[in-house]
Every structure is written in C-alpha cells, then in structure tokens.
Amino acid sequence: MAALDRAALIVQARESIARGSKSFALASRLFDRRTRERAWLLYAWCRKCDDIADGQDHGGTMRGVADGAARLASMRALTGSALRGQPTGDPAFDGFGLVMRECAIPERYAHDLIEGFALDAREWRPRSEADMLRYCYHVAGAVGCMMAILMGVDPADEATLDRACDLGLAFQLANIARDISEDEAPIAATCRKNGWSKWTFRPAST
C-alpha cells in the first residue's frame, strides 16, 4: 500500500471546506486539531462527490449533467479504491480513505451516501413521508453517523448513532424547507404531482 502524504491531504481538505462552506469551516474550529482535520477530510469527499454528481465546482450554479450514470460509476470506483487504501490521484478520495481507516468508520455509510446520488441519477422522487426520510438518510443521515464516529462515538453504539442520524435527517429537512420557502411554486407543483396534495404551501412572509 503506497504511503499517503497526510499533511498535504489536510491542506487540500482545508482549502475545500473554506471554498465550499464558510459555515462548516467556522464550525470545525470548535473541534480539537485532530478532529477538525478529520472533519475536513470527510467534508472534502462529500463535496467532491456532490460536485461530480452535479457537474459543479464547490457548489454554485447547477449545470445539469447528461452522463449521470458514468459519473456515479466513477464516484463508486474512486471511493472503492480509497477504502482499499489504493491511491486514486484525487486528494478528496485519498483523504477520505485515510480518515475512514483512522476512525474505523464502517464502509456501509460511504456506500449509503453514494446511494443517495444514485437516487438522484435515476431521477427518483419521494412519494411519501417514508420515502422522504429514506432520501434524507442517504444524503445526510449517513454523514451524521460518520461524523459521530469521527468525533469518537463507538461504531457499535447504535443508540447514539441513531441520534446522530436523526440530526442529519433534521439538517436535510431544514434544507428542503428552506428551498420551498425560496421557490414555493415549482416545488409545490412537484409535491402535488407526486401525490402530496395534503401539503399546503403558502408564500413566505416578508
């Protein structure tokens, strides 16, 4: 197994979180140095996967992609190599493999998050509350579990990880609610199309 330059990967991850999320970068300063660096490494992988899926560079305007399946396959392959400790040539993936090994984070969480991108690639749409929670788990709950373990929670402590997952779900649901507030009409139409006619959307107060 080739040795990875941890210090260089940390620098890359720090630059990624500084570009991609000022709020996450600020919040990471509350951690001790080791935990903070590990959080940066996890963030950089999540950010890179998101950018691969959406054709972006650290967020910004979504361009849309026509090769979603190919992008998903690349994401899976790079993540698999990183989890096996094989250098990928991409700091975001190499750093992710490093933090997964350092913290003994179960690989299933990485695969669960990628499944969220797979749902998007298939243009899957939730049609019930259970569907929505399923989606939120894949795109945010799994990250909550990885963050909890990174912060020192035992991977076998299911009760605590359940609560960490709940925090991830709440975070994603808040993002969805914010999007509805910012652009009610298209999202309301989508929800009605998906059979959520019991939901009522009103313009945000000004």
Foldseek 3Di string as FASTA:
>chain_A
DDDDDLVVLLVVLLVLCVLQPPVLNVVLVVDDPQLSSLVSLQVLLLQVLVCLQQVHRSDDDGPHDDPNVVSLVVNVVLLVCCLVQHDDVDSSNVSNSVSCVVLVPDCVLVVLLSVLSVCVSVVHDDLDPVSLLSSLLNNFLSVLLVSVSSVPDDNVPVVVSVVSSVVSSVVVVVVVVVVCQVPVPVVVVVNVVSPVVVDDRDHDDD
